Amino acid sequence: MSPEPAPTASVRQAEIPGLLAAARITAYPVAVRTPREIEAGGFADPDRFPFTWTVYFLIDEQWAQVLSARGLRREWSSLDRLERWLRNLGFRYFWVRNDVEPMEEGDGPGGRAMK
């Protein structure tokens, strides 16, 4: 797996079961903490919740970000919700990447922040 997958393609969430059945998704998904792109009411309030989670899949050797049925990037307000969605698709494992929130003292192995 690339150390920092970046999407160069997109996939609609409704297409994922078919891609899984055809064995075209070839790596664990990557859950990525990212600045919010979709603005709406409730949990999508960008002032109160500026960051969200999205997911990338490796499809045919190309990283793809997931789009909703409306063609917008699919975002989750919490990692717990994204984890439940991935488990419902049949994934038991996934990678997590958080590039937007700084690491704090004690976050790394041995209690030291990783660089």
PDB file of N, CA and C in Angstrom:
ATOM      1  N   MET A   1       0.842  -1.186   0.000  1.00  0.00           N
ATOM      2  CA  MET A   1       0.000   0.000   0.000  1.00  0.00           C
ATOM      3  C   MET A   1       0.879   1.238   0.000  1.00  0.00           C
ATOM      4  N   SER A   2       0.493   2.229  -0.766  1.00  0.00           N
ATOM      5  CA  SER A   2       1.187   3.507  -0.780  1.00  0.00           C
ATOM      6  C   SER A   2       1.099   4.126   0.606  1.00  0.00           C
ATOM      7  N   PRO A   3       2.173   4.762   1.114  1.00  0.00           N
ATOM      8  CA  PRO A   3       2.123   5.339   2.452  1.00  0.00           C
ATOM      9  C   PRO A   3       1.083   6.433   2.605  1.00  0.00           C
ATOM     10  N   GLU A   4       0.815   7.180   1.558  1.00  0.00           N
ATOM     11  CA  GLU A   4      -0.192   8.230   1.617  1.00  0.00           C
ATOM     12  C   GLU A   4      -1.073   8.159   0.380  1.00  0.00           C
ATOM     13  N   PRO A   5      -2.051   7.262   0.367  1.00  0.00           N
ATOM     14  CA  PRO A   5      -2.899   7.165  -0.817  1.00  0.00           C
ATOM     15  C   PRO A   5      -3.645   8.463  -1.064  1.00  0.00           C
ATOM     16  N   ALA A   6      -3.686   8.847  -2.313  1.00  0.00           N
ATOM     17  CA  ALA A   6      -4.443  10.020  -2.724  1.00  0.00           C
ATOM     18  C   ALA A   6      -5.352   9.595  -3.865  1.00  0.00           C
ATOM     19  N   PRO A   7      -6.622   9.987  -3.803  1.00  0.00           N
ATOM     20  CA  PRO A   7      -7.541   9.531  -4.849  1.00  0.00           C
ATOM     21  C   PRO A   7      -7.266  10.185  -6.193  1.00  0.00           C
ATOM     22  N   THR A   8      -7.250   9.357  -7.215  1.00  0.00           N
ATOM     23  CA  THR A   8      -7.139   9.850  -8.585  1.00  0.00           C
ATOM     24  C   THR A   8      -8.389   9.470  -9.374  1.00  0.00           C
ATOM     25  N   ALA A   9      -9.336   8.837  -8.690  1.00  0.00           N
ATOM     26  CA  ALA A   9     -10.591   8.407  -9.300  1.00  0.00           C
ATOM     27  C   ALA A   9     -11.692   8.539  -8.256  1.00  0.00           C
ATOM     28  N   SER A  10     -12.915   8.239  -8.656  1.00  0.00           N
ATOM     29  CA  SER A  10     -14.030   8.243  -7.719  1.00  0.00           C
ATOM     30  C   SER A  10     -14.922   7.044  -8.006  1.00  0.00           C
ATOM     31  N   VAL A  11     -15.695   6.675  -7.004  1.00  0.00           N
ATOM     32  CA  VAL A  11     -16.625   5.558  -7.116  1.00  0.00           C
ATOM     33  C   VAL A  11     -17.881   5.923  -6.324  1.00  0.00           C
ATOM     34  N   ARG A  12     -19.026   5.618  -6.877  1.00  0.00           N
ATOM     35  CA  ARG A  12     -20.278   5.853  -6.133  1.00  0.00           C
ATOM     36  C   ARG A  12     -20.459   4.726  -5.127  1.00  0.00           C
ATOM     37  N   GLN A  13     -20.995   5.067  -3.980  1.00  0.00           N
ATOM     38  CA  GLN A  13     -21.113   4.072  -2.922  1.00  0.00           C
ATOM     39  C   GLN A  13     -21.958   2.877  -3.342  1.00  0.00           C
ATOM     40  N   ALA A  14     -22.914   3.053  -4.235  1.00  0.00           N
ATOM     41  CA  ALA A  14     -23.752   1.937  -4.692  1.00  0.00           C
ATOM     42  C   ALA A  14     -22.973   0.933  -5.545  1.00  0.00           C
ATOM     43  N   GLU A  15     -21.835   1.348  -6.090  1.00  0.00           N
ATOM     44  CA  GLU A  15     -21.023   0.461  -6.931  1.00  0.00           C
ATOM     45  C   GLU A  15     -20.111  -0.466  -6.122  1.00  0.00           C
ATOM     46  N   ILE A  16     -19.896  -0.162  -4.863  1.00  0.00           N
ATOM     47  CA  ILE A  16     -18.901  -0.891  -4.065  1.00  0.00           C
ATOM     48  C   ILE A  16     -19.218  -2.377  -3.920  1.00  0.00           C
ATOM     49  N   PRO A  17     -20.456  -2.789  -3.628  1.00  0.00           N
ATOM     50  CA  PRO A  17     -20.715  -4.235  -3.525  1.00  0.00           C
ATOM     51  C   PRO A  17     -20.347  -5.008  -4.794  1.00  0.00           C
ATOM     52  N   GLY A  18     -20.634  -4.453  -5.961  1.00  0.00           N
ATOM     53  CA  GLY A  18     -20.277  -5.113  -7.220  1.00  0.00           C
ATOM     54  C   GLY A  18     -18.770  -5.194  -7.421  1.00  0.00           C
ATOM     55  N   LEU A  19     -18.062  -4.146  -7.029  1.00  0.00           N
ATOM     56  CA  LEU A  19     -16.607  -4.155  -7.131  1.00  0.00           C
ATOM     57  C   LEU A  19     -15.996  -5.182  -6.183  1.00  0.00           C
ATOM     58  N   LEU A  20     -16.580  -5.315  -5.011  1.00  0.00           N
ATOM     59  CA  LEU A  20     -16.111  -6.333  -4.062  1.00  0.00           C
ATOM     60  C   LEU A  20     -16.356  -7.733  -4.618  1.00  0.00           C
ATOM     61  N   ALA A  21     -17.539  -7.959  -5.171  1.00  0.00           N
ATOM     62  CA  ALA A  21     -17.880  -9.274  -5.721  1.00  0.00           C
ATOM     63  C   ALA A  21     -16.967  -9.645  -6.888  1.00  0.00           C
ATOM     64  N   ALA A  22     -16.528  -8.651  -7.644  1.00  0.00           N
ATOM     65  CA  ALA A  22     -15.639  -8.891  -8.784  1.00  0.00           C
ATOM     66  C   ALA A  22     -14.163  -8.873  -8.385  1.00  0.00           C
ATOM     67  N   ALA A  23     -13.883  -8.748  -7.093  1.00  0.00           N
ATOM     68  CA  ALA A  23     -12.514  -8.711  -6.556  1.00  0.00           C
ATOM     69  C   ALA A  23     -11.678  -7.587  -7.175  1.00  0.00           C
ATOM     70  N   ARG A  24     -12.307  -6.452  -7.420  1.00  0.00           N
ATOM     71  CA  ARG A  24     -11.588  -5.311  -7.998  1.00  0.00           C
ATOM     72  C   ARG A  24     -11.075  -4.354  -6.926  1.00  0.00           C
ATOM     73  N   ILE A  25     -11.540  -4.495  -5.686  1.00  0.00           N
ATOM     74  CA  ILE A  25     -10.994  -3.733  -4.563  1.00  0.00           C
ATOM     75  C   ILE A  25      -9.918  -4.614  -3.958  1.00  0.00           C
ATOM     76  N   THR A  26      -8.661  -4.128  -4.015  1.00  0.00           N
ATOM     77  CA  THR A  26      -7.536  -5.023  -3.742  1.00  0.00           C
ATOM     78  C   THR A  26      -6.719  -4.677  -2.498  1.00  0.00           C
ATOM     79  N   ALA A  27      -7.220  -3.808  -1.639  1.00  0.00           N
ATOM     80  CA  ALA A  27      -6.506  -3.465  -0.407  1.00  0.00           C
ATOM     81  C   ALA A  27      -7.525  -3.052   0.637  1.00  0.00           C
ATOM     82  N   TYR A  28      -7.064  -2.961   1.878  1.00  0.00           N
ATOM     83  CA  TYR A  28      -7.954  -2.450   2.923  1.00  0.00           C
ATOM     84  C   TYR A  28      -8.325  -1.006   2.608  1.00  0.00           C
ATOM     85  N   PRO A  29      -9.548  -0.593   2.914  1.00  0.00           N
ATOM     86  CA  PRO A  29      -9.923   0.808   2.727  1.00  0.00           C
ATOM     87  C   PRO A  29      -9.086   1.695   3.651  1.00  0.00           C
ATOM     88  N   VAL A  30      -8.986   2.964   3.294  1.00  0.00           N
ATOM     89  CA  VAL A  30      -8.271   3.948   4.105  1.00  0.00           C
ATOM     90  C   VAL A  30      -9.266   5.018   4.530  1.00  0.00           C
ATOM     91  N   ALA A  31      -9.507   5.115   5.844  1.00  0.00           N
ATOM     92  CA  ALA A  31     -10.353   6.167   6.399  1.00  0.00           C
ATOM     93  C   ALA A  31      -9.463   7.392   6.615  1.00  0.00           C
ATOM     94  N   VAL A  32      -9.872   8.536   6.074  1.00  0.00           N
ATOM     95  CA  VAL A  32      -9.033   9.730   6.089  1.00  0.00           C
ATOM     96  C   VAL A  32      -9.766  10.877   6.761  1.00  0.00           C
ATOM     97  N   ARG A  33      -9.106  11.475   7.755  1.00  0.00           N
ATOM     98  CA  ARG A  33      -9.624  12.681   8.409  1.00  0.00           C
ATOM     99  C   ARG A  33      -9.289  13.855   7.506  1.00  0.00           C
ATOM    100  N   THR A  34     -10.280  14.668   7.197  1.00  0.00           N
ATOM    101  CA  THR A  34     -10.099  15.702   6.181  1.00  0.00           C
ATOM    102  C   THR A  34     -10.985  16.911   6.485  1.00  0.00           C
ATOM    103  N   PRO A  35     -10.641  18.088   5.960  1.00  0.00           N
ATOM    104  CA  PRO A  35     -11.552  19.231   6.107  1.00  0.00           C
ATOM    105  C   PRO A  35     -12.887  18.932   5.424  1.00  0.00           C
ATOM    106  N   ARG A  36     -13.935  19.391   6.018  1.00  0.00           N
ATOM    107  CA  ARG A  36     -15.287  19.176   5.494  1.00  0.00           C
ATOM    108  C   ARG A  36     -15.457  19.858   4.140  1.00  0.00           C
ATOM    109  N   GLU A  37     -16.088  19.169   3.204  1.00  0.00           N
ATOM    110  CA  GLU A  37     -16.408  19.754   1.893  1.00  0.00           C
ATOM    111  C   GLU A  37     -17.895  20.014   1.745  1.00  0.00           C
ATOM    112  N   ILE A  38     -18.721  19.166   2.342  1.00  0.00           N
ATOM    113  CA  ILE A  38     -20.174  19.262   2.186  1.00  0.00           C
ATOM    114  C   ILE A  38     -20.734  20.141   3.300  1.00  0.00           C
ATOM    115  N   GLU A  39     -21.509  21.157   2.925  1.00  0.00           N
ATOM    116  CA  GLU A  39     -22.115  22.032   3.916  1.00  0.00           C
ATOM    117  C   GLU A  39     -23.615  21.797   3.950  1.00  0.00           C
ATOM    118  N   ALA A  40     -24.115  21.572   5.154  1.00  0.00           N
ATOM    119  CA  ALA A  40     -25.552  21.381   5.371  1.00  0.00           C
ATOM    120  C   ALA A  40     -25.826  21.655   6.833  1.00  0.00           C
ATOM    121  N   GLY A  41     -27.037  21.410   7.295  1.00  0.00           N
ATOM    122  CA  GLY A  41     -27.378  21.643   8.683  1.00  0.00           C
ATOM    123  C   GLY A  41     -26.948  20.497   9.581  1.00  0.00           C
ATOM    124  N   GLY A  42     -27.257  20.621  10.863  1.00  0.00           N
ATOM    125  CA  GLY A  42     -26.963  19.547  11.809  1.00  0.00           C
ATOM    126  C   GLY A  42     -25.483  19.307  11.993  1.00  0.00           C
ATOM    127  N   PHE A  43     -25.073  18.038  11.923  1.00  0.00           N
ATOM    128  CA  PHE A  43     -23.682  17.668  12.140  1.00  0.00           C
ATOM    129  C   PHE A  43     -22.758  18.207  11.052  1.00  0.00           C
ATOM    130  N   ALA A  44     -23.301  18.624   9.931  1.00  0.00           N
ATOM    131  CA  ALA A  44     -22.469  19.107   8.834  1.00  0.00           C
ATOM    132  C   ALA A  44     -22.132  20.592   8.975  1.00  0.00           C
ATOM    133  N   ASP A  45     -22.402  21.190  10.120  1.00  0.00           N
ATOM    134  CA  ASP A  45     -22.098  22.590  10.368  1.00  0.00           C
ATOM    135  C   ASP A  45     -20.579  22.775  10.364  1.00  0.00           C
ATOM    136  N   PRO A  46     -20.015  23.412   9.323  1.00  0.00           N
ATOM    137  CA  PRO A  46     -18.560  23.520   9.217  1.00  0.00           C
ATOM    138  C   PRO A  46     -17.922  24.387  10.298  1.00  0.00           C
ATOM    139  N   ASP A  47     -18.687  25.272  10.924  1.00  0.00           N
ATOM    140  CA  ASP A  47     -18.122  26.085  12.006  1.00  0.00           C
ATOM    141  C   ASP A  47     -17.933  25.260  13.277  1.00  0.00           C
ATOM    142  N   ARG A  48     -18.892  24.406  13.585  1.00  0.00           N
ATOM    143  CA  ARG A  48     -18.802  23.562  14.786  1.00  0.00           C
ATOM    144  C   ARG A  48     -17.991  22.301  14.540  1.00  0.00           C
ATOM    145  N   PHE A  49     -18.059  21.759  13.333  1.00  0.00           N
ATOM    146  CA  PHE A  49     -17.390  20.509  12.996  1.00  0.00           C
ATOM    147  C   PHE A  49     -16.617  20.705  11.687  1.00  0.00           C
ATOM    148  N   PRO A  50     -15.420  21.304  11.755  1.00  0.00           N
ATOM    149  CA  PRO A  50     -14.692  21.624  10.522  1.00  0.00           C
ATOM    150  C   PRO A  50     -14.071  20.414   9.822  1.00  0.00           C
ATOM    151  N   PHE A  51     -13.964  19.289  10.517  1.00  0.00           N
ATOM    152  CA  PHE A  51     -13.346  18.103   9.930  1.00  0.00           C
ATOM    153  C   PHE A  51     -14.338  16.957   9.851  1.00  0.00           C
ATOM    154  N   THR A  52     -14.084  16.063   8.953  1.00  0.00           N
ATOM    155  CA  THR A  52     -14.947  14.916   8.757  1.00  0.00           C
ATOM    156  C   THR A  52     -14.088  13.735   8.333  1.00  0.00           C
ATOM    157  N   TRP A  53     -14.706  12.577   8.163  1.00  0.00           N
ATOM    158  CA  TRP A  53     -14.018  11.375   7.696  1.00  0.00           C
ATOM    159  C   TRP A  53     -14.537  11.015   6.317  1.00  0.00           C
ATOM    160  N   THR A  54     -13.638  10.604   5.461  1.00  0.00           N
ATOM    161  CA  THR A  54     -14.000  10.066   4.162  1.00  0.00           C
ATOM    162  C   THR A  54     -13.216   8.772   3.986  1.00  0.00           C
ATOM    163  N   VAL A  55     -13.430   8.072   2.883  1.00  0.00           N
ATOM    164  CA  VAL A  55     -12.753   6.778   2.708  1.00  0.00           C
ATOM    165  C   VAL A  55     -12.283   6.631   1.268  1.00  0.00           C
ATOM    166  N   TYR A  56     -11.118   5.996   1.115  1.00  0.00           N
ATOM    167  CA  TYR A  56     -10.562   5.690  -0.202  1.00  0.00           C
ATOM    168  C   TYR A  56     -10.487   4.177  -0.362  1.00  0.00           C
ATOM    169  N   PHE A  57     -10.753   3.703  -1.572  1.00  0.00           N
ATOM    170  CA  PHE A  57     -10.618   2.289  -1.917  1.00  0.00           C
ATOM    171  C   PHE A  57      -9.612   2.158  -3.050  1.00  0.00           C
ATOM    172  N   LEU A  58      -8.812   1.098  -3.018  1.00  0.00           N
ATOM    173  CA  LEU A  58      -7.907   0.800  -4.117  1.00  0.00           C
ATOM    174  C   LEU A  58      -8.657  -0.087  -5.105  1.00  0.00           C
ATOM    175  N   ILE A  59      -9.010   0.487  -6.245  1.00  0.00           N
ATOM    176  CA  ILE A  59      -9.797  -0.199  -7.263  1.00  0.00           C
ATOM    177  C   ILE A  59      -8.968  -0.249  -8.543  1.00  0.00           C
ATOM    178  N   ASP A  60      -8.690  -1.452  -9.003  1.00  0.00           N
ATOM    179  CA  ASP A  60      -7.891  -1.619 -10.228  1.00  0.00           C
ATOM    180  C   ASP A  60      -6.594  -0.803 -10.162  1.00  0.00           C
ATOM    181  N   GLU A  61      -5.905  -0.899  -9.022  1.00  0.00           N
ATOM    182  CA  GLU A  61      -4.613  -0.234  -8.794  1.00  0.00           C
ATOM    183  C   GLU A  61      -4.695   1.292  -8.793  1.00  0.00           C
ATOM    184  N   GLN A  62      -5.884   1.835  -8.554  1.00  0.00           N
ATOM    185  CA  GLN A  62      -6.068   3.282  -8.527  1.00  0.00           C
ATOM    186  C   GLN A  62      -6.896   3.631  -7.288  1.00  0.00           C
ATOM    187  N   TRP A  63      -6.419   4.604  -6.490  1.00  0.00           N
ATOM    188  CA  TRP A  63      -7.164   5.011  -5.307  1.00  0.00           C
ATOM    189  C   TRP A  63      -8.377   5.842  -5.725  1.00  0.00           C
ATOM    190  N   ALA A  64      -9.542   5.504  -5.165  1.00  0.00           N
ATOM    191  CA  ALA A  64     -10.792   6.186  -5.511  1.00  0.00           C
ATOM    192  C   ALA A  64     -11.471   6.669  -4.233  1.00  0.00           C
ATOM    193  N   GLN A  65     -11.980   7.868  -4.274  1.00  0.00           N
ATOM    194  CA  GLN A  65     -12.765   8.363  -3.145  1.00  0.00           C
ATOM    195  C   GLN A  65     -14.231   8.048  -3.398  1.00  0.00           C
ATOM    196  N   VAL A  66     -14.975   7.876  -2.336  1.00  0.00           N
ATOM    197  CA  VAL A  66     -16.369   7.471  -2.433  1.00  0.00           C
ATOM    198  C   VAL A  66     -17.259   8.695  -2.586  1.00  0.00           C
ATOM    199  N   LEU A  67     -18.170   8.605  -3.540  1.00  0.00           N
ATOM    200  CA  LEU A  67     -19.159   9.653  -3.772  1.00  0.00           C
ATOM    201  C   LEU A  67     -20.533   9.148  -3.354  1.00  0.00           C
ATOM    202  N   SER A  68     -21.374  10.072  -2.937  1.00  0.00           N
ATOM    203  CA  SER A  68     -22.755   9.737  -2.602  1.00  0.00           C
ATOM    204  C   SER A  68     -23.557   9.534  -3.877  1.00  0.00           C
ATOM    205  N   ALA A  69     -24.814   9.180  -3.720  1.00  0.00           N
ATOM    206  CA  ALA A  69     -25.700   9.000  -4.876  1.00  0.00           C
ATOM    207  C   ALA A  69     -25.861  10.301  -5.657  1.00  0.00           C
ATOM    208  N   ARG A  70     -25.682  11.439  -4.981  1.00  0.00           N
ATOM    209  CA  ARG A  70     -25.815  12.743  -5.641  1.00  0.00           C
ATOM    210  C   ARG A  70     -24.518  13.216  -6.295  1.00  0.00           C
ATOM    211  N   GLY A  71     -23.459  12.420  -6.168  1.00  0.00           N
ATOM    212  CA  GLY A  71     -22.198  12.772  -6.790  1.00  0.00           C
ATOM    213  C   GLY A  71     -21.284  13.641  -5.941  1.00  0.00           C
ATOM    214  N   LEU A  72     -21.623  13.827  -4.663  1.00  0.00           N
ATOM    215  CA  LEU A  72     -20.781  14.588  -3.751  1.00  0.00           C
ATOM    216  C   LEU A  72     -19.909  13.633  -2.948  1.00  0.00           C
ATOM    217  N   ARG A  73     -18.772  14.127  -2.458  1.00  0.00           N
ATOM    218  CA  ARG A  73     -17.904  13.275  -1.650  1.00  0.00           C
ATOM    219  C   ARG A  73     -18.674  12.779  -0.429  1.00  0.00           C
ATOM    220  N   ARG A  74     -18.607  11.492  -0.164  1.00  0.00           N
ATOM    221  CA  ARG A  74     -19.282  10.889   0.992  1.00  0.00           C
ATOM    222  C   ARG A  74     -18.464  11.204   2.225  1.00  0.00           C
ATOM    223  N   GLU A  75     -19.106  11.793   3.246  1.00  0.00           N
ATOM    224  CA  GLU A  75     -18.439  12.170   4.487  1.00  0.00           C
ATOM    225  C   GLU A  75     -19.184  11.588   5.675  1.00  0.00           C
ATOM    226  N   TRP A  76     -18.426  11.243   6.703  1.00  0.00           N
ATOM    227  CA  TRP A  76     -18.987  10.741   7.950  1.00  0.00           C
ATOM    228  C   TRP A  76     -18.555  11.674   9.065  1.00  0.00           C
ATOM    229  N   SER A  77     -19.467  11.949  10.004  1.00  0.00           N
ATOM    230  CA  SER A  77     -19.156  12.859  11.097  1.00  0.00           C
ATOM    231  C   SER A  77     -18.286  12.201  12.159  1.00  0.00           C
ATOM    232  N   SER A  78     -18.271  10.873  12.209  1.00  0.00           N
ATOM    233  CA  SER A  78     -17.444  10.200  13.210  1.00  0.00           C
ATOM    234  C   SER A  78     -16.832   8.934  12.615  1.00  0.00           C
ATOM    235  N   LEU A  79     -15.701   8.554  13.159  1.00  0.00           N
ATOM    236  CA  LEU A  79     -15.042   7.339  12.718  1.00  0.00           C
ATOM    237  C   LEU A  79     -15.886   6.114  13.080  1.00  0.00           C
ATOM    238  N   ASP A  80     -16.627   6.182  14.165  1.00  0.00           N
ATOM    239  CA  ASP A  80     -17.516   5.074  14.542  1.00  0.00           C
ATOM    240  C   ASP A  80     -18.555   4.803  13.461  1.00  0.00           C
ATOM    241  N   ARG A  81     -19.142   5.855  12.922  1.00  0.00           N
ATOM    242  CA  ARG A  81     -20.154   5.679  11.867  1.00  0.00           C
ATOM    243  C   ARG A  81     -19.537   5.115  10.595  1.00  0.00           C
ATOM    244  N   LEU A  82     -18.358   5.604  10.244  1.00  0.00           N
ATOM    245  CA  LEU A  82     -17.668   5.083   9.065  1.00  0.00           C
ATOM    246  C   LEU A  82     -17.308   3.613   9.273  1.00  0.00           C
ATOM    247  N   GLU A  83     -16.857   3.272  10.467  1.00  0.00           N
ATOM    248  CA  GLU A  83     -16.506   1.877  10.769  1.00  0.00           C
ATOM    249  C   GLU A  83     -17.724   0.963  10.615  1.00  0.00           C
ATOM    250  N   ARG A  84     -18.876   1.383  11.096  1.00  0.00           N
ATOM    251  CA  ARG A  84     -20.107   0.580  10.947  1.00  0.00           C
ATOM    252  C   ARG A  84     -20.464   0.400   9.472  1.00  0.00           C
ATOM    253  N   TRP A  85     -20.313   1.456   8.678  1.00  0.00           N
ATOM    254  CA  TRP A  85     -20.602   1.385   7.249  1.00  0.00           C
ATOM    255  C   TRP A  85     -19.668   0.390   6.569  1.00  0.00           C
ATOM    256  N   LEU A  86     -18.378   0.453   6.884  1.00  0.00           N
ATOM    257  CA  LEU A  86     -17.417  -0.474   6.296  1.00  0.00           C
ATOM    258  C   LEU A  86     -17.703  -1.914   6.715  1.00  0.00           C
ATOM    259  N   ARG A  87     -18.063  -2.127   7.977  1.00  0.00           N
ATOM    260  CA  ARG A  87     -18.383  -3.484   8.448  1.00  0.00           C
ATOM    261  C   ARG A  87     -19.627  -4.023   7.734  1.00  0.00           C
ATOM    262  N   ASN A  88     -20.585  -3.168   7.469  1.00  0.00           N
ATOM    263  CA  ASN A  88     -21.777  -3.606   6.734  1.00  0.00           C
ATOM    264  C   ASN A  88     -21.441  -4.029   5.306  1.00  0.00           C
ATOM    265  N   LEU A  89     -20.360  -3.489   4.756  1.00  0.00           N
ATOM    266  CA  LEU A  89     -19.895  -3.898   3.430  1.00  0.00           C
ATOM    267  C   LEU A  89     -19.079  -5.186   3.491  1.00  0.00           C
ATOM    268  N   GLY A  90     -18.698  -5.606   4.702  1.00  0.00           N
ATOM    269  CA  GLY A  90     -17.928  -6.834   4.864  1.00  0.00           C
ATOM    270  C   GLY A  90     -16.472  -6.629   5.236  1.00  0.00           C
ATOM    271  N   PHE A  91     -16.049  -5.395   5.442  1.00  0.00           N
ATOM    272  CA  PHE A  91     -14.665  -5.134   5.827  1.00  0.00           C
ATOM    273  C   PHE A  91     -14.507  -5.281   7.337  1.00  0.00           C
ATOM    274  N   ARG A  92     -13.549  -6.075   7.736  1.00  0.00           N
ATOM    275  CA  ARG A  92     -13.238  -6.214   9.163  1.00  0.00           C
ATOM    276  C   ARG A  92     -12.054  -5.348   9.546  1.00  0.00           C
ATOM    277  N   TYR A  93     -11.273  -4.924   8.568  1.00  0.00           N
ATOM    278  CA  TYR A  93     -10.072  -4.131   8.809  1.00  0.00           C
ATOM    279  C   TYR A  93     -10.057  -2.930   7.875  1.00  0.00           C
ATOM    280  N   PHE A  94      -9.456  -1.840   8.345  1.00  0.00           N
ATOM    281  CA  PHE A  94      -9.222  -0.674   7.500  1.00  0.00           C
ATOM    282  C   PHE A  94      -8.103   0.150   8.120  1.00  0.00           C
ATOM    283  N   TRP A  95      -7.425   0.928   7.306  1.00  0.00           N
ATOM    284  CA  TRP A  95      -6.379   1.826   7.759  1.00  0.00           C
ATOM    285  C   TRP A  95      -7.004   3.157   8.152  1.00  0.00           C
ATOM    286  N   VAL A  96      -6.352   3.888   9.048  1.00  0.00           N
ATOM    287  CA  VAL A  96      -6.817   5.210   9.456  1.00  0.00           C
ATOM    288  C   VAL A  96      -5.680   6.204   9.256  1.00  0.00           C
ATOM    289  N   ARG A  97      -6.011   7.320   8.638  1.00  0.00           N
ATOM    290  CA  ARG A  97      -5.033   8.384   8.419  1.00  0.00           C
ATOM    291  C   ARG A  97      -5.644   9.708   8.850  1.00  0.00           C
ATOM    292  N   ASN A  98      -4.915  10.461   9.660  1.00  0.00           N
ATOM    293  CA  ASN A  98      -5.391  11.742  10.156  1.00  0.00           C
ATOM    294  C   ASN A  98      -4.309  12.779   9.896  1.00  0.00           C
ATOM    295  N   ASP A  99      -4.478  13.552   8.844  1.00  0.00           N
ATOM    296  CA  ASP A  99      -3.488  14.562   8.481  1.00  0.00           C
ATOM    297  C   ASP A  99      -3.838  15.954   8.987  1.00  0.00           C
ATOM    298  N   VAL A 100      -5.011  16.163   9.546  1.00  0.00           N
ATOM    299  CA  VAL A 100      -5.440  17.521   9.855  1.00  0.00           C
ATOM    300  C   VAL A 100      -5.304  17.904  11.325  1.00  0.00           C
ATOM    301  N   GLU A 101      -5.285  16.942  12.216  1.00  0.00           N
ATOM    302  CA  GLU A 101      -5.168  17.265  13.635  1.00  0.00           C
ATOM    303  C   GLU A 101      -3.769  16.912  14.113  1.00  0.00           C
ATOM    304  N   PRO A 102      -3.094  17.852  14.771  1.00  0.00           N
ATOM    305  CA  PRO A 102      -1.720  17.587  15.194  1.00  0.00           C
ATOM    306  C   PRO A 102      -1.660  16.498  16.265  1.00  0.00           C
ATOM    307  N   MET A 103      -0.556  15.766  16.249  1.00  0.00           N
ATOM    308  CA  MET A 103      -0.345  14.762  17.287  1.00  0.00           C
ATOM    309  C   MET A 103       0.079  15.477  18.551  1.00  0.00           C
ATOM    310  N   GLU A 104      -0.339  14.936  19.676  1.00  0.00           N
ATOM    311  CA  GLU A 104       0.006  15.516  20.965  1.00  0.00           C
ATOM    312  C   GLU A 104       1.011  14.638  21.674  1.00  0.00           C
ATOM    313  N   GLU A 105       1.662  15.211  22.654  1.00  0.00           N
ATOM    314  CA  GLU A 105       2.610  14.454  23.461  1.00  0.00           C
ATOM    315  C   GLU A 105       1.909  13.219  24.019  1.00  0.00           C
ATOM    316  N   GLY A 106       2.533  12.075  23.864  1.00  0.00           N
ATOM    317  CA  GLY A 106       1.958  10.835  24.371  1.00  0.00           C
ATOM    318  C   GLY A 106       1.163  10.069  23.333  1.00  0.00           C
ATOM    319  N   ASP A 107       1.041  10.574  22.108  1.00  0.00           N
ATOM    320  CA  ASP A 107       0.260   9.885  21.078  1.00  0.00           C
ATOM    321  C   ASP A 107       1.006   8.739  20.410  1.00  0.00           C
ATOM    322  N   GLY A 108       2.321   8.751  20.444  1.00  0.00           N
ATOM    323  CA  GLY A 108       3.101   7.759  19.718  1.00  0.00           C
ATOM    324  C   GLY A 108       3.531   6.604  20.597  1.00  0.00           C
ATOM    325  N   PRO A 109       4.277   5.659  20.032  1.00  0.00           N
ATOM    326  CA  PRO A 109       4.783   4.536  20.798  1.00  0.00           C
ATOM    327  C   PRO A 109       5.660   5.026  21.949  1.00  0.00           C
ATOM    328  N   GLY A 110       5.531   4.404  23.078  1.00  0.00           N
ATOM    329  CA  GLY A 110       6.342   4.786  24.226  1.00  0.00           C
ATOM    330  C   GLY A 110       5.958   6.139  24.810  1.00  0.00           C
ATOM    331  N   GLY A 111       4.790   6.651  24.445  1.00  0.00           N
ATOM    332  CA  GLY A 111       4.335   7.912  24.995  1.00  0.00           C
ATOM    333  C   GLY A 111       4.928   9.137  24.340  1.00  0.00           C
ATOM    334  N   ARG A 112       5.652   8.986  23.233  1.00  0.00           N
ATOM    335  CA  ARG A 112       6.252  10.123  22.535  1.00  0.00           C
ATOM    336  C   ARG A 112       5.507  10.390  21.232  1.00  0.00           C
ATOM    337  N   ALA A 113       5.329  11.637  20.910  1.00  0.00           N
ATOM    338  CA  ALA A 113       4.666  11.987  19.646  1.00  0.00           C
ATOM    339  C   ALA A 113       5.513  11.529  18.470  1.00  0.00           C
ATOM    340  N   MET A 114       4.859  11.010  17.455  1.00  0.00           N
ATOM    341  CA  MET A 114       5.568  10.563  16.255  1.00  0.00           C
ATOM    342  C   MET A 114       5.768  11.742  15.318  1.00  0.00           C
ATOM    343  N   LYS A 115       6.841  11.749  14.596  1.00  0.00           N
ATOM    344  CA  LYS A 115       7.122  12.824  13.632  1.00  0.00           C
ATOM    345  C   LYS A 115       7.004  12.292  12.240  1.00  0.00           C
TER     346      LYS A 115
END
